[in-house]
Each structure stands twice: as structure tokens, then as C-alpha cells.
Amino acid sequence: MTNATPPVPPYIGPGSPQDVPPVPGQSPIDPATLPGAIRDEIQAPDPVAIDTASKELADGVNRCPKCGSTEVRQKPGSDMLICLFCRHEWQSERVEEQFGLGADIDKLQGTVIASGARNIAADAASMMTFKCGGCGAEVTVNTANAMTARCHWCRHVLGINEQIANGAVPDAVLPFHIKKDDAVARIRQFVDKRSLFALKEFKEQFTPENVVQVYLPYMIVDANAAADVGGQGEIQTRRYTRGSGKDEETYYDADVYRVERHIDFTVDDLELESSAARGNLDTRVNTNNIINAILPFDTKNAVKWNASYLDGITSEKRDQDVEQLKPLLDDHLLSIARSQLQASVKRYDRGVRWEHEGLDVHGTRWVAMYLPVWLYSYHQPGMLHYIAVNGRTGSTMGSVPVQQWKLLTAAIIAGTFLESIVLWIMGHSS
């Protein structure tokens, strides 16, 4: 008798139902008997992946197409790459055009994920070792804060161009346009306008030349969605007063209507922070929210990933996956839906109180991208202040620590002045 090896089932991975072979004679679980959330997760189609990997740079060496040198940098103020040896310049491909990432948003169904936005492996290391293509030496790069390194033997520049499982390599990068001198001037101008109330220690230690050039990780999302909202709207029919003097009160009459709205809409290139630390908007301990104030970026001009754009520039690695960001996406989509509906409820001059709302996301497309920011920080005990400059548009926003007693004094003076004006008007009108 020959012992035949049973066929291996197509196991999916840890935690999936197929990890454990079914018990003989036991009927499979009927999805209809499961709770709704579990049933939806099981029946949901697997995410579709768009392969954006830079296979031509998989060996870590980005060579000049004219002379073969690895001394390649971004040309300051442009999206071009330049060879520092022969001065040849060339343009990287725009990721949206190459992979059709801006097309057919209204036809999106399910979850489409570009390869650089795939889930981060929990055990993936930040330290990556590469064999230099020039001399064969091993070169180590710490992807937690750098994407390039120079071989200490032959001086070749190596970059992390292969999409690795730790989330350090996105699908695309939006190169810096704003140069350091420009960023320093914008930060200095921002602080000068607020120096009257600024903390003395901050003004003494303020050195905008210490601004840091950093690439921050984002998920760029396209969405095809619909929303339904309902509530009560009021149209004022009469306004009148009763009583006199201090007892006078104003009343109004209004017709009350039941308001229901449905909207189908698409969103193109919504920017979501994919770093948990940067997405922490606890205003009691940090001013991360100022990063949102320098949005949006011209993400349509992002180029296919190439580590040469990050040479000498700090970067933050993303640590959030698509599933972790979906609740944030839903919040943004509902806000967009409410905004789009405002024009249709203008007739309700007393306003509309939305009492229930529902969101149906038909499809989404996720692309991981590095966005350029000039960042100046100041640590005040108990609070970390930031001033940020959009590395493309120059838009600037920040937080300047203030002297509380100066603000209080100014408020008292302003209140006293306003009260004097009111008393003067009342005296002259009688």
C-alpha cells in the first residue's frame, strides 16, 4: 500500500478560517448566522493591489542615464533629478499619469490599494542591509529616518527603492520646491507678527535657521461615496419683542419642516496623515494640528518613488495601515457631504439640525506618499510648539508660546475701552 500525502488546502494566513482544517462531518458556518460586522468583513472582497514598485532601482543604485554616476540629487526648486558629475537633468514620471491613479473615481468599487500602501508587517525591521553594486560591500540604512547611504568603500550612493514590509517606502514622493532661505524668511515673518505677546524665552532662543526639512507620510485617498442625512429645518415667519428695558426679550415664530437629503459624490486626493504620532491632535501637549493648516499639497505632481529625492533629508515612517485610517476617512467624507449639502438648505433661514446621517462608501483607492514640510519646533514645558511651511506652496502656520499676563492685560484694556465707547454712545443718544 502506498501512503499518499493529502493535498494542502489553500490556507490564507493566521486567523483565517482555513488555517484549521474542517472537522469531518461538520457543516461549514453559514455567514448569514454571523453578526453583521463579522459577516461583512468575511464577505468583503480582498483589496486590489496596484504595483507601483520601482523594479528598475531594486538594487538600490540610482544611476545617471547618461554617465552612470550615482551622484544623483533633486535639482533645487524643481521636480527634476540632476547628476552632480555630468550635470545631466531628467524628469521622473508622475505617478498619477503612469498608473492612472486619477481616473474613474466615480467607478471605484471596494478597496484598491497601491503596493506602497499595503499593511505593515509587525516584525519588519527598520535596519536594512544592501550589497553595494559597485564594490560588493554591505551598506546599512536605518529606514526610520533616512532613505539613502553612501558606501564607505567606493562612495556609491545607495537608496531604499525596493518597497519593504516596514512601511518606509511609499508609492510616490512630492519633491520640495521651497528652499531653506525662503522657509526661514517665512517663519521669521510669522513670528515677527506675533512677537508682542510671545514668551520672552521663546524670543531669546528663536533661531529659524534651525528649521528641519522633513518628508511626512500621508495616505492619498480617492473615494466614491454617497450620504443620507435627515433632520429638522426652520423658516422664520415672524420676529417680535416683549417687555421693555432690562426685561425686554426677543421671540420668533417659525415653520418647522422635516428635511431629508441624499448626495452621491467623489473625492479626489484626500490627504490623511499616516503617522500615529503626527495624527495625535491632543492640543494639551502638542500643536500637530498646525500641519493641517498648511494643506493642501499639489499631489497631482507627485513623482514615482525614488530615494534620490530624500538624499540628506529627514523622513518619518508611516505606522498606520488602511484599516486603521478608515474611521478617519469616514469622518472626512461625512464632513464633505454636509458641506456639499449646504447650498440646498439655504431657504431654512433659522438653520437645519441634522439628527441622523449615514455614509455608504462604494469604493476607495489608497496611495502612500511622502509630502514635503519645513518644520521648526520649540519645547515649552508641557507643550511642543511647531511652525510649519508647506514645502511646495510656502503656506505657513504655527504656534507661538505667549506670555499669559500680557494677553490678560490686553483683554482688560480692550474690555474697558469697549465699555467706555458703549457708555459714551448711550449718553449721547439720550
Protein backbone atom coordinates (compact mmCIF):
# COMPACT_ATOMS: atom_id res chain seq x y z
CA MET A 1 0.00 0.00 0.00
CA THR A 2 1.28 3.46 -0.89
CA ASN A 3 0.82 6.27 1.64
CA ALA A 4 -0.47 9.25 -0.26
CA THR A 5 0.06 12.76 1.15
CA PRO A 6 -3.25 14.62 1.39
CA PRO A 7 -3.49 17.80 -0.65
CA VAL A 8 -2.64 21.01 1.23
CA PRO A 9 -5.58 23.39 1.43
CA PRO A 10 -5.03 26.97 0.21
CA TYR A 11 -4.55 28.47 3.68
CA ILE A 12 -4.82 32.25 3.70
CA GLY A 13 -2.87 33.17 6.83
CA PRO A 14 -3.05 33.45 10.61
CA GLY A 15 -6.54 33.98 11.90
CA SER A 16 -8.36 32.95 8.74
CA PRO A 17 -10.99 30.18 8.89
CA GLN A 18 -8.93 27.96 6.56
CA ASP A 19 -5.99 27.80 8.98
CA VAL A 20 -7.73 24.90 10.74
CA PRO A 21 -8.93 22.01 8.56
CA PRO A 22 -12.67 21.42 8.92
CA VAL A 23 -13.76 18.66 11.25
CA PRO A 24 -15.08 15.64 9.25
CA GLY A 25 -18.85 15.58 9.21
CA GLN A 26 -19.17 19.17 10.47
CA SER A 27 -21.15 21.57 8.31
CA PRO A 28 -19.44 24.82 7.28
CA ILE A 29 -20.53 28.02 9.06
CA ASP A 30 -23.34 29.86 7.35
CA PRO A 31 -22.28 33.55 7.07
CA ALA A 32 -25.94 34.57 7.45
CA THR A 33 -25.82 33.37 11.08
CA LEU A 34 -22.88 35.62 11.99
CA PRO A 35 -23.11 39.17 13.43
CA GLY A 36 -23.34 41.82 10.74
CA ALA A 37 -19.85 43.33 11.21
CA ILE A 38 -18.15 39.91 11.11
CA ARG A 39 -20.24 38.80 8.12
CA ASP A 40 -19.39 41.97 6.18
CA GLU A 41 -15.67 41.52 6.89
CA ILE A 42 -15.67 37.89 5.74
CA GLN A 43 -17.65 38.58 2.58
CA ALA A 44 -15.79 41.75 1.63
CA PRO A 45 -13.61 41.30 -1.46
CA ASP A 46 -9.86 41.30 -0.96
CA PRO A 47 -8.17 44.66 -1.68
CA VAL A 48 -6.90 45.08 -5.21
CA ALA A 49 -3.21 45.99 -5.38
CA ILE A 50 -1.66 48.40 -7.89
CA ASP A 51 2.01 47.54 -8.31
CA THR A 52 3.96 50.82 -8.15
CA ALA A 53 7.35 49.27 -7.28
CA SER A 54 10.45 50.79 -8.89
CA LYS A 55 11.82 47.49 -10.17
CA GLU A 56 14.49 49.25 -12.20
CA LEU A 57 16.01 50.52 -8.93
CA ALA A 58 15.65 47.32 -6.90
CA ASP A 59 19.44 47.01 -6.42
CA GLY A 60 19.42 50.31 -4.51
CA VAL A 61 21.57 52.14 -7.07
CA ASN A 62 20.09 55.06 -8.99
CA ARG A 63 22.45 55.80 -11.86
CA CYS A 64 22.55 58.78 -14.16
CA PRO A 65 21.11 57.58 -17.50
CA LYS A 66 23.87 59.50 -19.35
CA CYS A 67 27.13 58.76 -17.48
CA GLY A 68 26.24 56.08 -14.92
CA SER A 69 27.25 58.10 -11.85
CA THR A 70 25.31 57.55 -8.60
CA GLU A 71 25.82 61.18 -7.51
CA VAL A 72 22.17 61.96 -8.17
CA ARG A 73 20.17 64.65 -6.35
CA GLN A 74 16.99 66.61 -6.77
CA LYS A 75 17.55 69.86 -8.61
CA PRO A 76 16.62 72.53 -6.03
CA GLY A 77 13.27 74.18 -6.63
CA SER A 78 12.11 71.70 -9.26
CA ASP A 79 10.86 68.13 -9.71
CA MET A 80 13.93 67.25 -11.78
CA LEU A 81 16.82 64.97 -10.83
CA ILE A 82 20.33 66.11 -11.66
CA CYS A 83 23.63 64.24 -11.93
CA LEU A 84 26.29 66.07 -9.93
CA PHE A 85 29.01 64.57 -12.13
CA CYS A 86 27.91 65.36 -15.70
CA ARG A 87 25.06 67.83 -14.83
CA HIS A 88 22.53 65.83 -16.86
CA GLU A 89 18.93 66.50 -15.80
CA TRP A 90 15.84 64.33 -16.20
CA GLN A 91 12.25 64.25 -15.03
CA SER A 92 10.82 61.36 -13.01
CA GLU A 93 7.44 60.05 -14.10
CA ARG A 94 4.37 61.45 -12.39
CA VAL A 95 2.82 58.57 -10.50
CA GLU A 96 -0.76 59.57 -11.31
CA GLU A 97 -0.13 59.54 -15.05
CA GLN A 98 1.91 56.34 -15.03
CA PHE A 99 -0.58 54.27 -13.02
CA GLY A 100 -3.84 56.06 -13.88
CA LEU A 101 -4.45 56.97 -10.24
CA GLY A 102 -6.69 59.94 -11.02
CA ALA A 103 -9.05 58.14 -13.40
CA ASP A 104 -12.51 56.59 -12.94
CA ILE A 105 -13.06 57.69 -9.35
CA ASP A 106 -16.82 57.52 -9.89
CA LYS A 107 -16.44 53.84 -10.85
CA LEU A 108 -14.43 52.76 -7.78
CA GLN A 109 -15.77 49.67 -6.02
CA GLY A 110 -14.27 48.04 -2.94
CA THR A 111 -10.81 48.89 -1.64
CA VAL A 112 -7.98 49.46 -4.11
CA ILE A 113 -4.53 49.73 -2.54
CA ALA A 114 -1.27 50.68 -4.24
CA SER A 115 1.62 48.39 -3.33
CA GLY A 116 3.37 51.01 -1.18
CA ALA A 117 0.24 51.31 0.98
CA ARG A 118 -0.04 47.63 1.89
CA ASN A 119 -0.19 46.55 5.52
CA ILE A 120 2.98 46.94 7.56
CA ALA A 121 4.45 43.66 8.80
CA ALA A 122 4.55 43.72 12.60
CA ASP A 123 8.00 42.10 12.73
CA ALA A 124 9.59 44.17 9.95
CA ALA A 125 12.90 45.76 10.92
CA SER A 126 13.93 49.36 10.30
CA MET A 127 17.59 48.49 9.66
CA MET A 128 18.12 47.34 6.06
CA THR A 129 21.40 45.96 4.70
CA PHE A 130 22.27 46.13 0.99
CA LYS A 131 25.14 44.83 -1.06
CA CYS A 132 26.80 47.70 -2.93
CA GLY A 133 26.61 47.22 -6.68
CA GLY A 134 29.92 48.99 -7.10
CA CYS A 135 32.26 47.02 -4.84
CA GLY A 136 30.16 44.36 -3.13
CA ALA A 137 30.47 45.82 0.38
CA GLU A 138 27.47 45.69 2.71
CA VAL A 139 25.81 49.03 3.49
CA THR A 140 23.23 49.52 6.26
CA VAL A 141 20.44 52.10 6.17
CA ASN A 142 18.20 52.97 9.12
CA THR A 143 14.85 53.48 7.36
CA ALA A 144 13.32 55.04 10.48
CA ASN A 145 14.86 58.38 9.49
CA ALA A 146 16.93 58.01 6.31
CA MET A 147 16.45 56.51 2.86
CA THR A 148 19.96 56.81 1.40
CA ALA A 149 23.51 55.97 2.47
CA ARG A 150 26.97 56.19 0.92
CA CYS A 151 29.19 53.13 0.57
CA HIS A 152 32.23 53.77 2.77
CA TRP A 153 34.49 51.92 0.29
CA CYS A 154 33.64 53.01 -3.23
CA ARG A 155 31.47 56.07 -2.40
CA HIS A 156 28.46 54.85 -4.38
CA VAL A 157 25.17 56.28 -3.10
CA LEU A 158 22.62 53.58 -2.25
CA GLY A 159 18.92 54.24 -1.77
CA ILE A 160 15.97 52.26 -0.42
CA ASN A 161 13.95 51.91 -3.60
CA GLU A 162 12.51 48.46 -3.01
CA GLN A 163 9.10 48.52 -1.32
CA ILE A 164 9.79 46.85 2.01
CA ALA A 165 7.38 45.50 4.60
CA ASN A 166 8.07 48.11 7.31
CA GLY A 167 6.15 50.90 5.55
CA ALA A 168 9.20 53.08 4.93
CA VAL A 169 8.86 53.16 1.13
CA PRO A 170 5.72 54.82 -0.25
CA ASP A 171 4.37 54.77 -3.78
CA ALA A 172 5.26 58.36 -4.55
CA VAL A 173 7.07 61.46 -3.33
CA LEU A 174 6.22 65.13 -3.82
CA PRO A 175 9.58 66.94 -4.11
CA PHE A 176 10.43 70.16 -2.25
CA HIS A 177 10.14 73.46 -4.14
CA ILE A 178 10.58 75.92 -1.26
CA LYS A 179 14.27 76.39 -0.43
CA LYS A 180 15.66 76.84 3.07
CA ASP A 181 16.26 80.60 2.82
CA ASP A 182 12.65 81.09 1.76
CA ALA A 183 11.36 78.86 4.58
CA VAL A 184 13.48 80.71 7.17
CA ALA A 185 12.16 84.07 5.95
CA ARG A 186 8.54 82.88 6.13
CA ILE A 187 8.99 81.52 9.66
CA ARG A 188 10.69 84.71 10.81
CA GLN A 189 7.89 86.83 9.33
CA PHE A 190 5.26 84.63 11.01
CA VAL A 191 6.88 85.06 14.45
CA ASP A 192 7.54 88.80 14.00
CA LYS A 193 3.82 89.45 13.56
CA ARG A 194 3.17 87.70 16.90
CA SER A 195 6.20 88.85 18.87
CA LEU A 196 4.29 91.36 21.03
CA PHE A 197 2.74 88.61 23.15
CA ALA A 198 5.40 85.94 22.61
CA LEU A 199 7.10 84.27 25.56
CA LYS A 200 10.37 86.01 26.48
CA GLU A 201 12.35 82.74 26.49
CA PHE A 202 11.00 81.86 23.05
CA LYS A 203 12.11 85.18 21.56
CA GLU A 204 15.56 84.80 23.11
CA GLN A 205 16.01 81.26 21.77
CA PHE A 206 14.26 81.76 18.41
CA THR A 207 16.63 80.57 15.64
CA PRO A 208 14.65 79.89 12.45
CA GLU A 209 17.84 78.75 10.73
CA ASN A 210 17.39 75.50 12.69
CA VAL A 211 14.32 74.66 10.65
CA VAL A 212 14.26 70.98 9.59
CA GLN A 213 13.48 69.69 6.11
CA VAL A 214 11.28 66.62 6.53
CA TYR A 215 9.09 64.32 4.45
CA LEU A 216 5.90 63.37 6.29
CA PRO A 217 3.95 60.19 5.45
CA TYR A 218 0.42 60.51 4.10
CA MET A 219 -2.21 58.32 2.53
CA ILE A 220 -3.74 59.98 -0.53
CA VAL A 221 -7.27 58.70 -0.98
CA ASP A 222 -9.81 58.78 -3.82
CA ALA A 223 -13.34 57.87 -2.81
CA ASN A 224 -16.67 57.13 -4.46
CA ALA A 225 -19.39 57.57 -1.85
CA ALA A 226 -22.98 58.50 -1.02
CA ALA A 227 -24.54 60.02 2.08
CA ASP A 228 -28.05 60.33 3.50
CA VAL A 229 -28.87 62.89 6.19
CA GLY A 230 -32.07 63.94 7.86
CA GLY A 231 -33.25 66.42 10.44
CA GLN A 232 -35.41 69.49 11.07
CA GLY A 233 -35.21 72.86 9.34
CA GLU A 234 -36.87 76.11 10.38
CA ILE A 235 -38.07 79.08 8.32
CA GLN A 236 -38.79 82.18 10.36
CA THR A 237 -42.25 83.71 9.84
CA ARG A 238 -42.31 86.45 12.50
CA ARG A 239 -39.96 88.19 14.93
CA TYR A 240 -41.12 90.36 17.86
CA THR A 241 -40.19 91.60 21.33
CA ARG A 242 -41.97 91.64 24.65
CA GLY A 243 -41.26 93.63 27.76
CA SER A 244 -39.07 96.71 27.98
CA GLY A 245 -35.72 97.80 29.30
CA LYS A 246 -33.74 95.05 31.01
CA ASP A 247 -36.78 92.75 30.81
CA GLU A 248 -37.09 93.01 27.05
CA GLU A 249 -36.92 89.64 25.27
CA THR A 250 -36.99 88.77 21.57
CA TYR A 251 -39.20 85.98 20.24
CA TYR A 252 -39.76 84.44 16.84
CA ASP A 253 -42.24 82.18 15.12
CA ALA A 254 -41.13 79.63 12.55
CA ASP A 255 -42.47 76.89 10.34
CA VAL A 256 -40.73 73.57 11.04
CA TYR A 257 -40.02 71.13 8.21
CA ARG A 258 -38.71 67.62 8.00
CA VAL A 259 -35.56 67.74 5.83
CA GLU A 260 -34.09 64.72 4.04
CA ARG A 261 -31.15 64.82 1.66
CA HIS A 262 -29.21 62.29 -0.43
CA ILE A 263 -25.95 63.02 -2.21
CA ASP A 264 -23.64 60.99 -4.44
CA PHE A 265 -20.12 62.42 -4.57
CA THR A 266 -16.50 61.65 -5.31
CA VAL A 267 -13.35 62.84 -3.58
CA ASP A 268 -10.03 63.21 -5.37
CA ASP A 269 -6.71 63.15 -3.48
CA LEU A 270 -7.84 63.50 0.13
CA GLU A 271 -4.74 63.77 2.36
CA LEU A 272 -4.68 61.66 5.56
CA GLU A 273 -1.72 61.60 7.96
CA SER A 274 -0.45 58.03 8.26
CA SER A 275 1.81 58.57 11.28
CA ALA A 276 0.05 57.95 14.59
CA ALA A 277 2.30 60.42 16.42
CA ARG A 278 1.67 63.20 13.90
CA GLY A 279 -2.02 62.38 13.77
CA ASN A 280 -2.32 62.82 17.55
CA LEU A 281 -4.12 66.17 17.79
CA ASP A 282 -4.09 66.47 21.58
CA THR A 283 -3.80 70.27 21.83
CA ARG A 284 -2.95 70.00 25.53
CA VAL A 285 0.55 68.66 24.75
CA ASN A 286 1.32 69.48 21.09
CA THR A 287 0.38 71.66 18.15
CA ASN A 288 0.28 68.94 15.47
CA ASN A 289 -2.97 70.46 14.23
CA ILE A 290 -1.00 73.24 12.54
CA ILE A 291 0.15 70.73 9.92
CA ASN A 292 -3.46 70.55 8.70
CA ALA A 293 -3.46 74.33 8.30
CA ILE A 294 -0.78 74.24 5.57
CA LEU A 295 -2.77 71.77 3.44
CA PRO A 296 -3.44 71.13 0.61
CA PHE A 297 -0.44 69.96 -1.39
CA ASP A 298 -0.39 69.72 -5.18
CA THR A 299 -0.34 65.92 -5.02
CA LYS A 300 -1.14 65.66 -8.73
CA ASN A 301 2.53 66.47 -9.34
CA ALA A 302 3.92 63.67 -7.15
CA VAL A 303 6.52 61.54 -8.88
CA LYS A 304 7.20 57.81 -8.75
CA TRP A 305 9.21 56.83 -5.70
CA ASN A 306 12.95 57.40 -5.99
CA ALA A 307 15.13 57.57 -2.88
CA SER A 308 17.37 60.17 -4.54
CA TYR A 309 14.75 62.81 -3.69
CA LEU A 310 15.38 62.13 0.01
CA ASP A 311 19.16 62.34 -0.01
CA GLY A 312 20.15 64.36 3.06
CA ILE A 313 16.52 64.93 4.11
CA THR A 314 14.84 63.52 7.22
CA SER A 315 11.72 61.40 6.79
CA GLU A 316 9.10 59.90 9.10
CA LYS A 317 7.97 56.33 8.50
CA ARG A 318 4.25 55.62 8.41
CA ASP A 319 2.85 53.29 11.06
CA GLN A 320 -0.84 53.31 10.14
CA ASP A 321 -2.50 50.86 7.76
CA VAL A 322 -5.57 51.39 5.60
CA GLU A 323 -7.95 49.73 8.08
CA GLN A 324 -6.73 51.98 10.90
CA LEU A 325 -7.35 55.08 8.80
CA LYS A 326 -10.83 54.16 7.55
CA PRO A 327 -12.67 55.72 10.55
CA LEU A 328 -10.81 58.98 9.92
CA LEU A 329 -11.71 58.77 6.23
CA ASP A 330 -15.40 58.29 7.12
CA ASP A 331 -15.32 61.42 9.30
CA HIS A 332 -13.82 63.44 6.45
CA LEU A 333 -16.31 62.10 3.92
CA LEU A 334 -19.28 62.96 6.15
CA SER A 335 -17.91 66.49 6.62
CA ILE A 336 -17.56 66.85 2.85
CA ALA A 337 -21.12 65.58 2.33
CA ARG A 338 -22.52 68.09 4.86
CA SER A 339 -20.61 70.90 3.15
CA GLN A 340 -21.91 69.90 -0.28
CA LEU A 341 -25.50 69.92 1.02
CA GLN A 342 -25.39 73.45 2.44
CA ALA A 343 -26.45 75.08 -0.81
CA SER A 344 -29.65 73.01 -0.88
CA VAL A 345 -30.86 74.14 2.58
CA LYS A 346 -30.32 77.91 2.34
CA ARG A 347 -34.05 78.54 2.42
CA TYR A 348 -34.16 77.42 6.04
CA ASP A 349 -33.04 80.76 7.46
CA ARG A 350 -33.21 79.53 11.07
CA GLY A 351 -30.91 76.65 10.15
CA VAL A 352 -31.15 72.87 9.94
CA ARG A 353 -30.48 70.50 12.82
CA TRP A 354 -29.23 67.23 11.38
CA GLU A 355 -30.46 64.38 13.57
CA HIS A 356 -29.23 61.32 11.68
CA GLU A 357 -26.74 60.66 8.91
CA GLY A 358 -25.49 57.65 7.04
CA LEU A 359 -22.48 57.09 4.78
CA ASP A 360 -22.10 54.49 2.05
CA VAL A 361 -18.56 54.21 0.71
CA HIS A 362 -18.79 52.38 -2.63
CA GLY A 363 -15.07 52.31 -3.31
CA THR A 364 -11.72 53.81 -2.32
CA ARG A 365 -8.19 53.97 -3.73
CA TRP A 366 -5.21 54.39 -1.37
CA VAL A 367 -1.74 55.62 -2.33
CA ALA A 368 1.13 56.11 0.15
CA MET A 369 3.03 59.34 -0.40
CA TYR A 370 5.73 61.49 1.21
CA LEU A 371 4.83 65.20 1.40
CA PRO A 372 7.44 67.97 1.96
CA VAL A 373 7.37 70.18 5.09
CA TRP A 374 9.81 72.64 6.63
CA LEU A 375 9.37 72.26 10.39
CA TYR A 376 10.53 74.47 13.27
CA SER A 377 9.89 73.29 16.82
CA TYR A 378 10.10 74.80 20.29
CA HIS A 379 9.62 72.84 23.51
CA GLN A 380 7.85 74.71 26.27
CA PRO A 381 7.39 72.65 29.47
CA GLY A 382 4.21 70.66 28.93
CA MET A 383 3.75 71.74 25.28
CA LEU A 384 5.56 71.18 21.99
CA HIS A 385 5.09 74.08 19.57
CA TYR A 386 5.54 73.83 15.79
CA ILE A 387 5.79 76.29 12.93
CA ALA A 388 5.37 74.57 9.57
CA VAL A 389 5.93 75.68 5.99
CA ASN A 390 4.39 73.81 3.06
CA GLY A 391 7.41 72.70 1.02
CA ARG A 392 5.53 73.29 -2.25
CA THR A 393 3.33 76.37 -1.79
CA GLY A 394 5.06 78.17 1.07
CA SER A 395 1.85 78.30 3.12
CA THR A 396 2.91 78.89 6.74
CA MET A 397 1.18 78.27 10.05
CA GLY A 398 2.38 77.73 13.58
CA SER A 399 2.04 78.07 17.32
CA VAL A 400 3.96 80.72 19.26
CA PRO A 401 4.09 80.39 23.07
CA VAL A 402 2.68 83.54 24.68
CA GLN A 403 3.01 85.49 27.92
CA GLN A 404 -0.35 84.92 29.59
CA TRP A 405 -0.21 88.12 31.66
CA LYS A 406 0.24 90.19 28.50
CA LEU A 407 -2.85 88.63 26.94
CA LEU A 408 -4.86 89.20 30.11
CA THR A 409 -3.75 92.83 30.35
CA ALA A 410 -4.63 93.43 26.69
CA ALA A 411 -8.05 91.83 27.19
CA ILE A 412 -8.80 94.01 30.23
CA ILE A 413 -7.72 97.17 28.40
CA ALA A 414 -9.78 96.25 25.34
CA GLY A 415 -12.82 95.47 27.51
CA THR A 416 -12.53 98.76 29.40
CA PHE A 417 -12.15 100.70 26.16
CA LEU A 418 -15.19 99.00 24.60
CA GLU A 419 -17.29 99.66 27.72
CA SER A 420 -16.33 103.37 27.61
CA ILE A 421 -17.42 103.62 23.98
CA VAL A 422 -20.78 101.98 24.73
CA LEU A 423 -21.41 104.34 27.67
CA TRP A 424 -20.45 107.32 25.52
CA ILE A 425 -22.88 106.28 22.76
CA MET A 426 -25.68 105.69 25.26
CA GLY A 427 -25.05 109.08 26.89
CA HIS A 428 -25.17 110.96 23.59
CA SER A 429 -28.19 109.08 22.29
CA SER A 430 -30.28 110.07 25.33
